[in-house]
Amino acid sequence: MSFLIVLLALAFLMFVAYRGYSVILFAPVAALGAVLLTDPSLVAPMFTGLFMDKMVGFLKNYFPVFLLGAIFGKVIELSGFSKSIVAATIRLFGASRAILSIVMVCAVLTYGGVSLFVVVFAVYPFAAELFRQSDIPKRLIPGTIALGAFTFTMDALPGTPQIQNIIPTTFFGTDTWAAPWLGTIGGVFILIAGLAYLDWRRRAALRKGEGYGDTATLVNEPAPFLGGRLANPAIAVLPLVLVGVTNKLFTDWIPRYYGEAHAFDPAVIGDAAPVVQQVSSVTAIWAVEGALLVGILTVLAFAWKPVMTTFAEGTKTAIGGALLAAMNTASEYGFGAVIAALPGFLVVANALGAIPNPLVNEAVTVTALAGITGSASGGMSIALAAMADTFIANANAAGIPMEVLHRVAAMASGGMDTLPHNGAVITLLAVTGLTHRQAYKDIFAITIIKTLAVMVIIGVFYATGIV
């Protein structure tokens, strides 16, 4: 019964998300409904002590990233830099390769360490302008961004700095470059299969005569550029480059400057206890925030006049979008925490442990828990915390290197995590102004390709033994 309660809560949340209802409202309803059916006395304690605690903790850490990411995307849009880069891209690759262009921009940013959520805000203005000029349906934008940002550069390619590739290092004693050949093979498979699918969808729309869509009725369309001559593409792309570069530099500099922890006295008057900030836990967040500030200031330095013409109204829109996206994701985070605390979740975890093959066991366990919680990092953390010792023992008995366990876990976490209730999916749809009904089909297709890629690398390892 406890297992059915977990499935019921998950199915309910996916259903309401797909139908377009607010996850901010229905994530706590789904989570607390599951608690009510499990133990009614825990509804209030779990709501305050777990759901709200996790939700507010997420906002405390990540809302500035959402806010700065939204403002960065908006000033890129208002400056005309997005239009300049799109024009150069069309000249370089041609209008028919718009999808490839957006995928590669997302991939470069993600592999450079830029947060997935920031990539969504930063790339959307480029994607909207490029798809509009190429007359490709806007509904394909979310699937395109998902392929570039949520798949091969997130956890497949060796060395990626995304959290999904970092978490396994603490459990298996590996580094981010673990299983480079398997990761590369998996990444290439995802890229080729994903591009083939999206191009098939583009050609099908073209045969039906479907274009970008009516910009008068579409939602969250980028504001028109009101300046004069467009900036040189090299200047226009500079803020994006600086975000990636300074993110890496700040990641290295912050621990050297502050050390492992930094303490300060919060009050001038009185004897308030000093506040101690563990710097190691927020280095990546501070680095991204600093990099986004550099990007925003760079845009203002080169395009002050066109940006400031509509800066007040433009930033109001950006802030509203950031609030909605952050609250959606935070509510999802709280839902995942509550579901993971229920007995039914333990039933799922224990049942998955019965799969005999060590690598298939790990892959199915991680991707299933990521799907249930709606979080790649959350599902993988839960799975590895509970079962890493079992995975390691089984792998040692079968002669499987820890590097392979690392890569399989990382890639599996980004498989079924992008179900309709996933926070990144909801953020992506909110930013692009589309609904699940309009655009989720393509995101799900990319999810299937990503999940299949894990089985591909497992098959390659058993067939060839390469790591």
Foldseek 3Di string as FASTA:
>chain_A
DLQVLLVVLLVVLLVCQQVPHFLLPSLLVSLLVSVCVFPVVCSVVLVVVFLVVLLVVLCVQPLLLLLLLLLLLLLLLLLCLLVQLLVVCCVVPNLLCLLVVLLVLQQVLQQLQADLLSSLNNSLLNSLNSQQVSFFALLCVLLSNCLNHLFLLQFQAAPRPHVLLCVLCVLLVDHSRFQRVLSVLLSVLLVVVLVVVSSVVRVVCVVVVHTHDDPVPFPQHRDDHPDDDHDNNVLSCVLSVQLSVQLVVQLVVVCVVQPQKHWDAPDPDDDGDIDIGRCVVNSNSVSNSVSSVSSSVSSCVVRVVSCVVCVVVSSVVSSVLSVSLSSLQSSLSSSLRSSCPGPSVVVVLVVLCVDPDLLVSLLCQQLVQLLSSLHLSVSLNSNCVVCSVVSVVSCVVVVHRSSLSSSLSSLSSSANSVRSSHSSSSSSCSNSRHGSNSHVVSNNVSSNSSSVSSVVSVVVCVVPVRD
